[in-house]
Amino acid sequence: LKPFINIGYQSGQYNATPLNRALSYHLTEAMLGTG
């Protein structure tokens, strides 16, 4: 989904890439499971 992520997460912290911003969100907010 990187082409969409690059557009959708283009604004934000300048020291992080759009993919890293998306990864950070999904790791903390959109993950199911315990192990």
All heavy atoms as atom14 arrays in JSON, in Angstrom:
{
  "sequence": "LKPFINIGYQSGQYNATPLNRALSYHLTEAMLGTG",
  "atom14_mask": [
    [1, 1, 1, 1, 1, 1, 1, 1, 0, 0, 0, 0, 0, 0],
    [1, 1, 1, 1, 1, 1, 1, 1, 1, 0, 0, 0, 0, 0],
    [1, 1, 1, 1, 1, 1, 1, 0, 0, 0, 0, 0, 0, 0],
    [1, 1, 1, 1, 1, 1, 1, 1, 1, 1, 1, 0, 0, 0],
    [1, 1, 1, 1, 1, 1, 1, 1, 0, 0, 0, 0, 0, 0],
    [1, 1, 1, 1, 1, 1, 1, 1, 0, 0, 0, 0, 0, 0],
    [1, 1, 1, 1, 1, 1, 1, 1, 0, 0, 0, 0, 0, 0],
    [1, 1, 1, 1, 0, 0, 0, 0, 0, 0, 0, 0, 0, 0],
    [1, 1, 1, 1, 1, 1, 1, 1, 1, 1, 1, 1, 0, 0],
    [1, 1, 1, 1, 1, 1, 1, 1, 1, 0, 0, 0, 0, 0],
    [1, 1, 1, 1, 1, 1, 0, 0, 0, 0, 0, 0, 0, 0],
    [1, 1, 1, 1, 0, 0, 0, 0, 0, 0, 0, 0, 0, 0],
    [1, 1, 1, 1, 1, 1, 1, 1, 1, 0, 0, 0, 0, 0],
    [1, 1, 1, 1, 1, 1, 1, 1, 1, 1, 1, 1, 0, 0],
    [1, 1, 1, 1, 1, 1, 1, 1, 0, 0, 0, 0, 0, 0],
    [1, 1, 1, 1, 1, 0, 0, 0, 0, 0, 0, 0, 0, 0],
    [1, 1, 1, 1, 1, 1, 1, 0, 0, 0, 0, 0, 0, 0],
    [1, 1, 1, 1, 1, 1, 1, 0, 0, 0, 0, 0, 0, 0],
    [1, 1, 1, 1, 1, 1, 1, 1, 0, 0, 0, 0, 0, 0],
    [1, 1, 1, 1, 1, 1, 1, 1, 0, 0, 0, 0, 0, 0],
    [1, 1, 1, 1, 1, 1, 1, 1, 1, 1, 1, 0, 0, 0],
    [1, 1, 1, 1, 1, 0, 0, 0, 0, 0, 0, 0, 0, 0],
    [1, 1, 1, 1, 1, 1, 1, 1, 0, 0, 0, 0, 0, 0],
    [1, 1, 1, 1, 1, 1, 0, 0, 0, 0, 0, 0, 0, 0],
    [1, 1, 1, 1, 1, 1, 1, 1, 1, 1, 1, 1, 0, 0],
    [1, 1, 1, 1, 1, 1, 1, 1, 1, 1, 0, 0, 0, 0],
    [1, 1, 1, 1, 1, 1, 1, 1, 0, 0, 0, 0, 0, 0],
    [1, 1, 1, 1, 1, 1, 1, 0, 0, 0, 0, 0, 0, 0],
    [1, 1, 1, 1, 1, 1, 1, 1, 1, 0, 0, 0, 0, 0],
    [1, 1, 1, 1, 1, 0, 0, 0, 0, 0, 0, 0, 0, 0],
    [1, 1, 1, 1, 1, 1, 1, 1, 0, 0, 0, 0, 0, 0],
    [1, 1, 1, 1, 1, 1, 1, 1, 0, 0, 0, 0, 0, 0],
    [1, 1, 1, 1, 0, 0, 0, 0, 0, 0, 0, 0, 0, 0],
    [1, 1, 1, 1, 1, 1, 1, 0, 0, 0, 0, 0, 0, 0],
    [1, 1, 1, 1, 0, 0, 0, 0, 0, 0, 0, 0, 0, 0]
  ],
  "atom14_positions": [
    [[0.81, -1.22, 0.0], [0.0, 0.0, 0.0], [0.85, 1.27, 0.0], [0.32, 2.37, 0.15], [-0.92, 0.01, 1.22], [-1.87, -1.18, 1.32], [-2.57, -1.18, 2.66], [-2.86, -1.18, 0.18], [0.0, 0.0, 0.0], [0.0, 0.0, 0.0], [0.0, 0.0, 0.0], [0.0, 0.0, 0.0], [0.0, 0.0, 0.0], [0.0, 0.0, 0.0]],
    [[2.16, 1.12, -0.17], [3.08, 2.25, -0.05], [2.72, 3.45, -0.94], [2.8, 4.59, -0.48], [4.51, 1.8, -0.32], [5.54, 2.85, 0.02], [6.94, 2.33, -0.1], [7.92, 3.44, 0.23], [9.3, 3.03, 0.05], [0.0, 0.0, 0.0], [0.0, 0.0, 0.0], [0.0, 0.0, 0.0], [0.0, 0.0, 0.0], [0.0, 0.0, 0.0]],
    [[2.28, 3.26, -2.2], [1.91, 4.45, -2.98], [0.77, 5.25, -2.33], [0.77, 6.48, -2.37], [1.47, 3.86, -4.33], [2.17, 2.55, -4.42], [2.24, 2.04, -3.01], [0.0, 0.0, 0.0], [0.0, 0.0, 0.0], [0.0, 0.0, 0.0], [0.0, 0.0, 0.0], [0.0, 0.0, 0.0], [0.0, 0.0, 0.0], [0.0, 0.0, 0.0]],
    [[-0.18, 4.56, -1.72], [-1.28, 5.24, -1.03], [-0.81, 5.86, 0.28], [-1.21, 6.96, 0.65], [-2.43, 4.27, -0.77], [-2.97, 3.66, -2.02], [-2.67, 2.35, -2.34], [-3.75, 4.39, -2.9], [-3.16, 1.77, -3.5], [-4.24, 3.83, -4.06], [-3.93, 2.52, -4.37], [0.0, 0.0, 0.0], [0.0, 0.0, 0.0], [0.0, 0.0, 0.0]],
    [[0.05, 5.14, 0.99], [0.62, 5.63, 2.26], [1.41, 6.92, 2.01], [1.32, 7.87, 2.79], [1.53, 4.56, 2.89], [0.76, 3.28, 3.21], [2.27, 5.1, 4.1], [-0.22, 3.38, 4.32], [0.0, 0.0, 0.0], [0.0, 0.0, 0.0], [0.0, 0.0, 0.0], [0.0, 0.0, 0.0], [0.0, 0.0, 0.0], [0.0, 0.0, 0.0]],
    [[2.18, 6.96, 0.93], [2.99, 8.15, 0.63], [2.12, 9.39, 0.42], [2.54, 10.5, 0.73], [3.87, 7.92, -0.59], [5.05, 7.03, -0.28], [5.43, 6.86, 0.88], [5.62, 6.44, -1.3], [0.0, 0.0, 0.0], [0.0, 0.0, 0.0], [0.0, 0.0, 0.0], [0.0, 0.0, 0.0], [0.0, 0.0, 0.0], [0.0, 0.0, 0.0]],
    [[0.92, 9.21, -0.08], [0.0, 10.33, -0.25], [-0.74, 10.61, 1.06], [-0.8, 11.74, 1.52], [-1.01, 10.06, -1.39], [-0.27, 9.99, -2.73], [-2.11, 11.12, -1.41], [-1.12, 9.49, -3.88], [0.0, 0.0, 0.0], [0.0, 0.0, 0.0], [0.0, 0.0, 0.0], [0.0, 0.0, 0.0], [0.0, 0.0, 0.0], [0.0, 0.0, 0.0]],
    [[-1.27, 9.57, 1.67], [-2.11, 9.72, 2.85], [-1.38, 10.15, 4.11], [-1.97, 10.75, 5.0], [0.0, 0.0, 0.0], [0.0, 0.0, 0.0], [0.0, 0.0, 0.0], [0.0, 0.0, 0.0], [0.0, 0.0, 0.0], [0.0, 0.0, 0.0], [0.0, 0.0, 0.0], [0.0, 0.0, 0.0], [0.0, 0.0, 0.0], [0.0, 0.0, 0.0]],
    [[-0.1, 9.87, 4.21], [0.68, 10.24, 5.4], [1.77, 11.26, 5.06], [2.79, 11.31, 5.72], [1.33, 8.99, 6.02], [0.39, 8.15, 6.84], [-0.52, 7.28, 6.26], [0.4, 8.23, 8.23], [-1.38, 6.5, 7.01], [-0.45, 7.46, 9.01], [-1.34, 6.6, 8.38], [-2.18, 5.84, 9.15], [0.0, 0.0, 0.0], [0.0, 0.0, 0.0]],
    [[1.54, 12.08, 4.02], [2.58, 13.02, 3.61], [2.81, 14.15, 4.59], [3.89, 14.71, 4.66], [2.31, 13.57, 2.22], [1.12, 14.5, 2.12], [0.99, 15.09, 0.76], [1.91, 15.72, 0.28], [-0.15, 14.89, 0.12], [0.0, 0.0, 0.0], [0.0, 0.0, 0.0], [0.0, 0.0, 0.0], [0.0, 0.0, 0.0], [0.0, 0.0, 0.0]],
    [[1.8, 14.51, 5.38], [2.02, 15.57, 6.36], [2.27, 14.94, 7.72], [1.8, 13.87, 8.01], [0.81, 16.52, 6.41], [-0.32, 15.82, 6.86], [0.0, 0.0, 0.0], [0.0, 0.0, 0.0], [0.0, 0.0, 0.0], [0.0, 0.0, 0.0], [0.0, 0.0, 0.0], [0.0, 0.0, 0.0], [0.0, 0.0, 0.0], [0.0, 0.0, 0.0]],
    [[3.05, 15.61, 8.51], [3.38, 15.1, 9.85], [4.83, 15.39, 10.17], [5.41, 16.34, 9.66], [0.0, 0.0, 0.0], [0.0, 0.0, 0.0], [0.0, 0.0, 0.0], [0.0, 0.0, 0.0], [0.0, 0.0, 0.0], [0.0, 0.0, 0.0], [0.0, 0.0, 0.0], [0.0, 0.0, 0.0], [0.0, 0.0, 0.0], [0.0, 0.0, 0.0]],
    [[5.39, 14.57, 11.0], [6.78, 14.77, 11.42], [7.7, 14.69, 10.21], [7.62, 13.78, 9.41], [7.2, 13.69, 12.4], [6.36, 13.63, 13.64], [6.64, 12.35, 14.42], [7.12, 11.37, 13.87], [6.32, 12.38, 15.69], [0.0, 0.0, 0.0], [0.0, 0.0, 0.0], [0.0, 0.0, 0.0], [0.0, 0.0, 0.0], [0.0, 0.0, 0.0]],
    [[8.6, 15.66, 10.08], [9.5, 15.69, 8.94], [10.67, 14.73, 9.09], [11.35, 14.42, 8.13], [10.0, 17.11, 8.69], [8.89, 18.0, 8.18], [8.27, 18.91, 9.01], [8.44, 17.88, 6.87], [7.24, 19.7, 8.54], [7.41, 18.66, 6.39], [6.81, 19.57, 7.23], [5.79, 20.35, 6.76], [0.0, 0.0, 0.0], [0.0, 0.0, 0.0]],
    [[10.9, 14.25, 10.3], [12.01, 13.32, 10.5], [11.59, 11.86, 10.33], [12.37, 10.96, 10.56], [12.65, 13.53, 11.88], [11.65, 13.29, 13.0], [10.45, 13.25, 12.78], [12.16, 13.16, 14.21], [0.0, 0.0, 0.0], [0.0, 0.0, 0.0], [0.0, 0.0, 0.0], [0.0, 0.0, 0.0], [0.0, 0.0, 0.0], [0.0, 0.0, 0.0]],
    [[10.34, 11.62, 9.92], [9.86, 10.26, 9.71], [9.24, 10.17, 8.3], [8.58, 11.09, 7.84], [8.81, 9.89, 10.75], [0.0, 0.0, 0.0], [0.0, 0.0, 0.0], [0.0, 0.0, 0.0], [0.0, 0.0, 0.0], [0.0, 0.0, 0.0], [0.0, 0.0, 0.0], [0.0, 0.0, 0.0], [0.0, 0.0, 0.0], [0.0, 0.0, 0.0]],
    [[9.46, 9.04, 7.65], [8.88, 8.84, 6.33], [7.38, 8.54, 6.47], [6.92, 8.13, 7.54], [9.55, 7.66, 5.6], [9.23, 6.45, 6.31], [11.06, 7.85, 5.51], [0.0, 0.0, 0.0], [0.0, 0.0, 0.0], [0.0, 0.0, 0.0], [0.0, 0.0, 0.0], [0.0, 0.0, 0.0], [0.0, 0.0, 0.0], [0.0, 0.0, 0.0]],
    [[6.61, 8.72, 5.4], [5.19, 8.36, 5.47], [4.98, 6.9, 5.9], [4.1, 6.62, 6.71], [4.69, 8.61, 4.05], [5.59, 9.69, 3.54], [6.93, 9.38, 4.14], [0.0, 0.0, 0.0], [0.0, 0.0, 0.0], [0.0, 0.0, 0.0], [0.0, 0.0, 0.0], [0.0, 0.0, 0.0], [0.0, 0.0, 0.0], [0.0, 0.0, 0.0]],
    [[5.8, 5.99, 5.38], [5.65, 4.59, 5.75], [5.93, 4.38, 7.24], [5.22, 3.63, 7.91], [6.56, 3.7, 4.91], [6.36, 2.19, 5.09], [4.95, 1.76, 4.71], [7.37, 1.42, 4.27], [0.0, 0.0, 0.0], [0.0, 0.0, 0.0], [0.0, 0.0, 0.0], [0.0, 0.0, 0.0], [0.0, 0.0, 0.0], [0.0, 0.0, 0.0]],
    [[6.92, 5.07, 7.78], [7.21, 4.94, 9.21], [6.09, 5.5, 10.07], [5.75, 4.94, 11.12], [8.53, 5.63, 9.56], [9.73, 4.82, 9.14], [9.61, 3.64, 8.82], [10.88, 5.45, 9.1], [0.0, 0.0, 0.0], [0.0, 0.0, 0.0], [0.0, 0.0, 0.0], [0.0, 0.0, 0.0], [0.0, 0.0, 0.0], [0.0, 0.0, 0.0]],
    [[5.47, 6.61, 9.63], [4.33, 7.16, 10.38], [3.15, 6.2, 10.36], [2.48, 5.98, 11.36], [3.93, 8.52, 9.81], [4.94, 9.62, 10.16], [4.4, 11.0, 9.87], [4.24, 11.3, 8.46], [5.19, 11.79, 7.67], [6.4, 12.03, 8.16], [4.94, 12.04, 6.4], [0.0, 0.0, 0.0], [0.0, 0.0, 0.0], [0.0, 0.0, 0.0]],
    [[2.89, 5.59, 9.18], [1.8, 4.62, 9.07], [2.11, 3.38, 9.92], [1.22, 2.85, 10.6], [1.59, 4.22, 7.61], [0.0, 0.0, 0.0], [0.0, 0.0, 0.0], [0.0, 0.0, 0.0], [0.0, 0.0, 0.0], [0.0, 0.0, 0.0], [0.0, 0.0, 0.0], [0.0, 0.0, 0.0], [0.0, 0.0, 0.0], [0.0, 0.0, 0.0]],
    [[3.35, 2.92, 9.89], [3.74, 1.76, 10.68], [3.54, 2.03, 12.16], [2.99, 1.2, 12.89], [5.2, 1.39, 10.4], [5.76, 0.22, 11.18], [5.04, -1.07, 10.81], [7.25, 0.09, 10.92], [0.0, 0.0, 0.0], [0.0, 0.0, 0.0], [0.0, 0.0, 0.0], [0.0, 0.0, 0.0], [0.0, 0.0, 0.0], [0.0, 0.0, 0.0]],
    [[3.96, 3.19, 12.62], [3.82, 3.54, 14.03], [2.35, 3.5, 14.46], [2.02, 2.92, 15.5], [4.39, 4.94, 14.27], [4.16, 5.35, 15.59], [0.0, 0.0, 0.0], [0.0, 0.0, 0.0], [0.0, 0.0, 0.0], [0.0, 0.0, 0.0], [0.0, 0.0, 0.0], [0.0, 0.0, 0.0], [0.0, 0.0, 0.0], [0.0, 0.0, 0.0]],
    [[1.47, 4.1, 13.65], [0.05, 4.08, 13.99], [-0.47, 2.65, 14.05], [-1.13, 2.26, 15.01], [-0.78, 4.89, 12.97], [-2.24, 4.6, 13.14], [-2.97, 5.21, 14.17], [-2.89, 3.66, 12.35], [-4.3, 4.91, 14.38], [-4.23, 3.36, 12.55], [-4.92, 3.97, 13.57], [-6.24, 3.65, 13.78], [0.0, 0.0, 0.0], [0.0, 0.0, 0.0]],
    [[-0.22, 1.87, 13.02], [-0.8, 0.53, 12.93], [-0.23, -0.43, 13.98], [-0.94, -1.3, 14.45], [-0.65, -0.02, 11.51], [-1.55, 0.69, 10.55], [-1.16, 1.83, 9.89], [-2.83, 0.46, 10.19], [-2.17, 2.27, 9.15], [-3.19, 1.46, 9.31], [0.0, 0.0, 0.0], [0.0, 0.0, 0.0], [0.0, 0.0, 0.0], [0.0, 0.0, 0.0]],
    [[1.02, -0.25, 14.37], [1.58, -1.08, 15.43], [0.89, -0.82, 16.77], [0.67, -1.75, 17.55], [3.08, -0.83, 15.6], [3.99, -1.46, 14.56], [5.43, -0.98, 14.75], [3.92, -2.98, 14.6], [0.0, 0.0, 0.0], [0.0, 0.0, 0.0], [0.0, 0.0, 0.0], [0.0, 0.0, 0.0], [0.0, 0.0, 0.0], [0.0, 0.0, 0.0]],
    [[0.55, 0.43, 17.02], [-0.03, 0.75, 18.33], [-1.55, 0.72, 18.35], [-2.14, 0.46, 19.4], [0.43, 2.14, 18.81], [0.06, 3.12, 17.83], [1.93, 2.18, 19.02], [0.0, 0.0, 0.0], [0.0, 0.0, 0.0], [0.0, 0.0, 0.0], [0.0, 0.0, 0.0], [0.0, 0.0, 0.0], [0.0, 0.0, 0.0], [0.0, 0.0, 0.0]],
    [[-2.21, 0.96, 17.22], [-3.66, 1.11, 17.22], [-4.44, 0.05, 16.42], [-5.62, -0.11, 16.66], [-4.03, 2.49, 16.67], [-3.41, 3.65, 17.4], [-3.88, 3.78, 18.83], [-5.01, 3.34, 19.14], [-3.11, 4.3, 19.66], [0.0, 0.0, 0.0], [0.0, 0.0, 0.0], [0.0, 0.0, 0.0], [0.0, 0.0, 0.0], [0.0, 0.0, 0.0]],
    [[-3.8, -0.62, 15.47], [-4.56, -1.48, 14.56], [-4.02, -2.9, 14.52], [-4.0, -3.54, 13.47], [-4.57, -0.87, 13.16], [0.0, 0.0, 0.0], [0.0, 0.0, 0.0], [0.0, 0.0, 0.0], [0.0, 0.0, 0.0], [0.0, 0.0, 0.0], [0.0, 0.0, 0.0], [0.0, 0.0, 0.0], [0.0, 0.0, 0.0], [0.0, 0.0, 0.0]],
    [[-3.59, -3.41, 15.66], [-3.03, -4.75, 15.71], [-3.83, -5.6, 16.7], [-4.11, -5.16, 17.8], [-1.56, -4.67, 16.15], [-0.77, -5.92, 15.98], [-0.48, -6.42, 14.29], [0.53, -5.1, 13.67], [0.0, 0.0, 0.0], [0.0, 0.0, 0.0], [0.0, 0.0, 0.0], [0.0, 0.0, 0.0], [0.0, 0.0, 0.0], [0.0, 0.0, 0.0]],
    [[-4.2, -6.77, 16.26], [-4.88, -7.74, 17.13], [-3.91, -8.86, 17.46], [-3.04, -9.2, 16.66], [-6.1, -8.33, 16.42], [-7.25, -7.39, 16.11], [-8.29, -8.09, 15.25], [-7.89, -6.88, 17.39], [0.0, 0.0, 0.0], [0.0, 0.0, 0.0], [0.0, 0.0, 0.0], [0.0, 0.0, 0.0], [0.0, 0.0, 0.0], [0.0, 0.0, 0.0]],
    [[-4.07, -9.46, 18.61], [-3.24, -10.6, 19.0], [-2.47, -10.3, 20.27], [-2.32, -9.16, 20.68], [0.0, 0.0, 0.0], [0.0, 0.0, 0.0], [0.0, 0.0, 0.0], [0.0, 0.0, 0.0], [0.0, 0.0, 0.0], [0.0, 0.0, 0.0], [0.0, 0.0, 0.0], [0.0, 0.0, 0.0], [0.0, 0.0, 0.0], [0.0, 0.0, 0.0]],
    [[-1.97, -11.37, 20.86], [-1.25, -11.22, 22.13], [0.15, -11.81, 22.09], [0.89, -11.66, 23.04], [-2.03, -11.92, 23.26], [-2.23, -13.29, 22.9], [-3.37, -11.24, 23.49], [0.0, 0.0, 0.0], [0.0, 0.0, 0.0], [0.0, 0.0, 0.0], [0.0, 0.0, 0.0], [0.0, 0.0, 0.0], [0.0, 0.0, 0.0], [0.0, 0.0, 0.0]],
    [[0.5, -12.47, 21.02], [1.82, -13.08, 20.97], [2.29, -13.31, 19.56], [1.55, -13.1, 18.6], [0.0, 0.0, 0.0], [0.0, 0.0, 0.0], [0.0, 0.0, 0.0], [0.0, 0.0, 0.0], [0.0, 0.0, 0.0], [0.0, 0.0, 0.0], [0.0, 0.0, 0.0], [0.0, 0.0, 0.0], [0.0, 0.0, 0.0], [0.0, 0.0, 0.0]]
  ]
}
